[in-house]
Amino acid sequence: MSMHTLFKAALILMLLAAIFSLGQALFYMMTERPDSNPKRMAWALTRRIGFSLGVFLLVIIGILTGLLKPHGLGG
């Protein structure tokens, strides 16, 4: 496998992990009782923020190293 393929796979996995964590937080929000401690939901949202920052950093690193090539819209 080439470095481009591995980098893009890591980027997609991080994005999917962020989406999964967001879904977990929604599930915890809907199923927990109002009088319970919302630690599981807060922890899922914290993980989502971490994964999203990881995706952002991977995109920046990919652009700076040439592994990702951005393109403009309309031209």
C-alpha atoms as a PDB file:
ATOM      1  CA  MET A   1       0.000   0.000   0.000  1.00  0.00           C
ATOM      2  CA  SER A   2       1.193   3.475  -0.734  1.00  0.00           C
ATOM      3  CA  MET A   3       1.537   6.257   1.812  1.00  0.00           C
ATOM      4  CA  HIS A   4      -1.335   8.147   0.129  1.00  0.00           C
ATOM      5  CA  THR A   5      -3.690   5.219   0.631  1.00  0.00           C
ATOM      6  CA  LEU A   6      -2.716   4.697   4.265  1.00  0.00           C
ATOM      7  CA  PHE A   7      -3.043   8.397   5.032  1.00  0.00           C
ATOM      8  CA  LYS A   8      -6.485   8.620   3.452  1.00  0.00           C
ATOM      9  CA  ALA A   9      -7.603   5.462   5.269  1.00  0.00           C
ATOM     10  CA  ALA A  10      -6.474   6.933   8.604  1.00  0.00           C
ATOM     11  CA  LEU A  11      -8.320  10.146   7.803  1.00  0.00           C
ATOM     12  CA  ILE A  12     -11.530   8.287   6.976  1.00  0.00           C
ATOM     13  CA  LEU A  13     -11.264   6.122  10.123  1.00  0.00           C
ATOM     14  CA  MET A  14     -10.849   9.229  12.306  1.00  0.00           C
ATOM     15  CA  LEU A  15     -13.875  10.841  10.650  1.00  0.00           C
ATOM     16  CA  LEU A  16     -15.970   7.706  11.156  1.00  0.00           C
ATOM     17  CA  ALA A  17     -14.870   7.535  14.802  1.00  0.00           C
ATOM     18  CA  ALA A  18     -16.005  11.143  15.302  1.00  0.00           C
ATOM     19  CA  ILE A  19     -19.397  10.372  13.757  1.00  0.00           C
ATOM     20  CA  PHE A  20     -19.760   7.194  15.860  1.00  0.00           C
ATOM     21  CA  SER A  21     -18.910   9.104  19.028  1.00  0.00           C
ATOM     22  CA  LEU A  22     -21.510  11.731  18.169  1.00  0.00           C
ATOM     23  CA  GLY A  23     -24.082   8.954  17.734  1.00  0.00           C
ATOM     24  CA  GLN A  24     -23.093   7.520  21.113  1.00  0.00           C
ATOM     25  CA  ALA A  25     -23.642  10.894  22.766  1.00  0.00           C
ATOM     26  CA  LEU A  26     -27.085  11.124  21.165  1.00  0.00           C
ATOM     27  CA  PHE A  27     -27.950   7.638  22.397  1.00  0.00           C
ATOM     28  CA  TYR A  28     -26.829   8.446  25.942  1.00  0.00           C
ATOM     29  CA  MET A  29     -28.738  11.721  25.872  1.00  0.00           C
ATOM     30  CA  MET A  30     -31.949   9.956  24.855  1.00  0.00           C
ATOM     31  CA  THR A  31     -31.704   6.958  27.202  1.00  0.00           C
ATOM     32  CA  GLU A  32     -30.357   8.363  30.477  1.00  0.00           C
ATOM     33  CA  ARG A  33     -32.728   9.562  33.151  1.00  0.00           C
ATOM     34  CA  PRO A  34     -32.790  13.309  33.853  1.00  0.00           C
ATOM     35  CA  ASP A  35     -31.684  12.833  37.459  1.00  0.00           C
ATOM     36  CA  SER A  36     -28.635  10.707  36.536  1.00  0.00           C
ATOM     37  CA  ASN A  37     -25.119  12.014  36.047  1.00  0.00           C
ATOM     38  CA  PRO A  38     -24.531  12.747  32.318  1.00  0.00           C
ATOM     39  CA  LYS A  39     -20.871  11.647  32.395  1.00  0.00           C
ATOM     40  CA  ARG A  40     -21.194   9.142  29.550  1.00  0.00           C
ATOM     41  CA  MET A  41     -22.688  11.723  27.213  1.00  0.00           C
ATOM     42  CA  ALA A  42     -20.078  14.329  28.131  1.00  0.00           C
ATOM     43  CA  TRP A  43     -17.265  11.814  27.646  1.00  0.00           C
ATOM     44  CA  ALA A  44     -18.630  10.805  24.213  1.00  0.00           C
ATOM     45  CA  LEU A  45     -18.786  14.464  23.177  1.00  0.00           C
ATOM     46  CA  THR A  46     -15.249  15.006  24.474  1.00  0.00           C
ATOM     47  CA  ARG A  47     -14.021  12.088  22.360  1.00  0.00           C
ATOM     48  CA  ARG A  48     -15.834  13.520  19.351  1.00  0.00           C
ATOM     49  CA  ILE A  49     -14.033  16.832  19.789  1.00  0.00           C
ATOM     50  CA  GLY A  50     -10.717  14.983  20.021  1.00  0.00           C
ATOM     51  CA  PHE A  51     -11.406  12.966  16.874  1.00  0.00           C
ATOM     52  CA  SER A  52     -12.522  16.101  15.018  1.00  0.00           C
ATOM     53  CA  LEU A  53      -9.331  17.904  16.004  1.00  0.00           C
ATOM     54  CA  GLY A  54      -7.383  14.866  14.845  1.00  0.00           C
ATOM     55  CA  VAL A  55      -9.124  14.984  11.458  1.00  0.00           C
ATOM     56  CA  PHE A  56      -8.380  18.698  11.187  1.00  0.00           C
ATOM     57  CA  LEU A  57      -4.700  18.161  12.028  1.00  0.00           C
ATOM     58  CA  LEU A  58      -4.415  15.249   9.594  1.00  0.00           C
ATOM     59  CA  VAL A  59      -5.863  17.385   6.801  1.00  0.00           C
ATOM     60  CA  ILE A  60      -3.389  20.189   7.552  1.00  0.00           C
ATOM     61  CA  ILE A  61      -0.463  17.728   7.699  1.00  0.00           C
ATOM     62  CA  GLY A  62      -1.635  16.084   4.489  1.00  0.00           C
ATOM     63  CA  ILE A  63      -1.778  19.391   2.641  1.00  0.00           C
ATOM     64  CA  LEU A  64       1.608  20.545   3.960  1.00  0.00           C
ATOM     65  CA  THR A  65       3.328  17.260   3.064  1.00  0.00           C
ATOM     66  CA  GLY A  66       1.656  16.954  -0.326  1.00  0.00           C
ATOM     67  CA  LEU A  67      -0.297  13.797   0.510  1.00  0.00           C
ATOM     68  CA  LEU A  68      -3.552  15.700  -0.040  1.00  0.00           C
ATOM     69  CA  LYS A  69      -4.005  18.147  -2.868  1.00  0.00           C
ATOM     70  CA  PRO A  70      -6.797  20.685  -2.362  1.00  0.00           C
ATOM     71  CA  HIS A  71      -8.603  22.019  -5.371  1.00  0.00           C
ATOM     72  CA  GLY A  72     -10.568  25.180  -5.834  1.00  0.00           C
ATOM     73  CA  LEU A  73     -14.211  25.334  -6.745  1.00  0.00           C
ATOM     74  CA  GLY A  74     -15.096  26.283 -10.274  1.00  0.00           C
ATOM     75  CA  GLY A  75     -11.716  26.189 -11.781  1.00  0.00           C
END
